[in-house]
Amino acid sequence: MITVTIHSDENRKSYGFEISGHALSDVYGRDLVCAGASAVAFGAVNAIGHLTQIKPQIEQGKEGGFLSVQIDRATLDEKQDETLQVILNTMVTQFYTMVTSYSDYIELKYKMV
């Protein structure tokens, strides 16, 4: 199962996420849940860099199945933070949509930071 953990503060603003595991919903190369989760996650990472000029701290597993993205909120200006929240809220909505259809293969959690 893929676990998506969103790192949020007390105001429900998000400043990072972690994705771990494998969906195993089909054979390697045809696993649509895995492909969808990867597309959503890497799309968000690319949008963060492109639209905010933020360089998040990124850690990836060598064999796949793990991605950690963290943003230092202390370095953000108001506009960057606003744009970041739109990107991450959009990402969460996309993952939530996946969970409603594929809950046997993907789950969404929150962690207070």
Protein backbone atom coordinates (compact mmCIF):
# COMPACT_ATOMS: atom_id res chain seq x y z
CA MET A 1 0.00 0.00 0.00
CA ILE A 2 1.11 3.56 -0.70
CA THR A 3 0.93 5.85 2.32
CA VAL A 4 0.83 9.60 1.70
CA THR A 5 1.56 11.64 4.84
CA ILE A 6 0.97 15.39 4.69
CA HIS A 7 2.98 17.49 7.15
CA SER A 8 0.79 20.33 8.43
CA ASP A 9 1.00 22.93 11.16
CA GLU A 10 -1.63 23.92 13.73
CA ASN A 11 -3.28 26.19 11.13
CA ARG A 12 -3.59 23.27 8.65
CA LYS A 13 -0.97 24.82 6.39
CA SER A 14 1.21 22.19 4.75
CA TYR A 15 4.98 22.37 4.49
CA GLY A 16 5.90 18.96 3.23
CA PHE A 17 4.86 15.41 2.57
CA GLU A 18 6.14 11.87 2.50
CA ILE A 19 5.09 9.03 0.24
CA SER A 20 6.11 5.47 1.00
CA GLY A 21 5.27 1.97 -0.12
CA HIS A 22 4.04 0.35 -3.28
CA ALA A 23 0.44 0.00 -4.45
CA LEU A 24 0.85 -3.49 -5.95
CA SER A 25 -2.47 -3.03 -7.74
CA ASP A 26 -1.03 -4.64 -10.89
CA VAL A 27 2.25 -5.99 -12.24
CA TYR A 28 5.26 -3.70 -12.39
CA GLY A 29 4.94 -1.31 -15.33
CA ARG A 30 1.13 -1.49 -15.39
CA ASP A 31 0.32 -0.34 -11.87
CA LEU A 32 -1.94 2.65 -12.49
CA VAL A 33 -2.23 3.58 -8.81
CA CYS A 34 1.55 3.77 -8.51
CA ALA A 35 1.83 5.74 -11.75
CA GLY A 36 -0.90 8.13 -10.65
CA ALA A 37 0.65 8.72 -7.23
CA SER A 38 4.06 9.34 -8.82
CA ALA A 39 2.60 11.78 -11.34
CA VAL A 40 0.75 13.74 -8.65
CA ALA A 41 3.79 13.90 -6.33
CA PHE A 42 6.37 14.83 -8.94
CA GLY A 43 3.97 17.30 -10.55
CA ALA A 44 3.63 19.04 -7.18
CA VAL A 45 7.41 19.09 -6.66
CA ASN A 46 7.94 20.57 -10.13
CA ALA A 47 5.19 23.15 -9.55
CA ILE A 48 6.75 24.19 -6.23
CA GLY A 49 10.09 24.86 -7.88
CA HIS A 50 8.67 26.51 -10.98
CA LEU A 51 5.98 28.70 -9.41
CA THR A 52 7.65 29.70 -6.14
CA GLN A 53 11.40 29.36 -6.81
CA ILE A 54 11.54 27.37 -3.55
CA LYS A 55 14.08 24.56 -3.44
CA PRO A 56 12.52 21.96 -1.16
CA GLN A 57 14.61 19.42 0.68
CA ILE A 58 13.99 16.16 -1.22
CA GLU A 59 14.90 12.61 -0.28
CA GLN A 60 14.15 9.64 -2.53
CA GLY A 61 14.52 5.90 -2.10
CA LYS A 62 17.06 4.35 -4.46
CA GLU A 63 14.63 1.62 -5.54
CA GLY A 64 11.52 3.83 -5.58
CA GLY A 65 8.75 3.57 -3.06
CA PHE A 66 9.86 6.56 -0.99
CA LEU A 67 9.76 10.33 -1.47
CA SER A 68 10.10 12.99 1.22
CA VAL A 69 9.64 16.69 0.42
CA GLN A 70 10.15 19.33 3.12
CA ILE A 71 9.95 23.12 2.91
CA ASP A 72 11.45 25.44 5.52
CA ARG A 73 8.53 27.75 6.21
CA ALA A 74 10.78 30.27 7.98
CA THR A 75 12.35 31.17 4.63
CA LEU A 76 9.10 31.87 2.78
CA ASP A 77 7.66 35.24 1.99
CA GLU A 78 3.88 35.73 2.03
CA LYS A 79 3.43 35.24 -1.73
CA GLN A 80 5.54 32.06 -1.78
CA ASP A 81 3.59 30.65 1.16
CA GLU A 82 0.26 31.45 -0.50
CA THR A 83 1.31 29.78 -3.77
CA LEU A 84 2.78 26.80 -1.91
CA GLN A 85 -0.51 26.25 -0.09
CA VAL A 86 -2.45 26.23 -3.37
CA ILE A 87 -0.04 23.69 -4.87
CA LEU A 88 -0.09 21.40 -1.84
CA ASN A 89 -3.87 21.68 -1.36
CA THR A 90 -4.32 20.74 -5.02
CA MET A 91 -1.99 17.77 -4.53
CA VAL A 92 -3.94 16.65 -1.44
CA THR A 93 -7.20 16.90 -3.38
CA GLN A 94 -5.75 14.71 -6.13
CA PHE A 95 -4.56 12.12 -3.60
CA TYR A 96 -7.93 12.21 -1.83
CA THR A 97 -9.62 11.51 -5.16
CA MET A 98 -7.35 8.50 -5.65
CA VAL A 99 -8.11 7.24 -2.14
CA THR A 100 -11.86 7.35 -2.74
CA SER A 101 -11.47 5.00 -5.71
CA TYR A 102 -8.45 2.90 -4.69
CA SER A 103 -8.49 2.70 -0.89
CA ASP A 104 -7.10 -0.85 -0.98
CA TYR A 105 -3.90 0.53 -2.49
CA ILE A 106 -3.39 4.09 -1.21
CA GLU A 107 -4.09 5.95 2.03
CA LEU A 108 -3.80 9.59 3.11
CA LYS A 109 -2.66 10.70 6.56
CA TYR A 110 -1.75 13.93 8.30
CA LYS A 111 1.12 14.62 10.68
CA MET A 112 1.42 17.78 12.76
CA VAL A 113 4.80 19.48 12.46
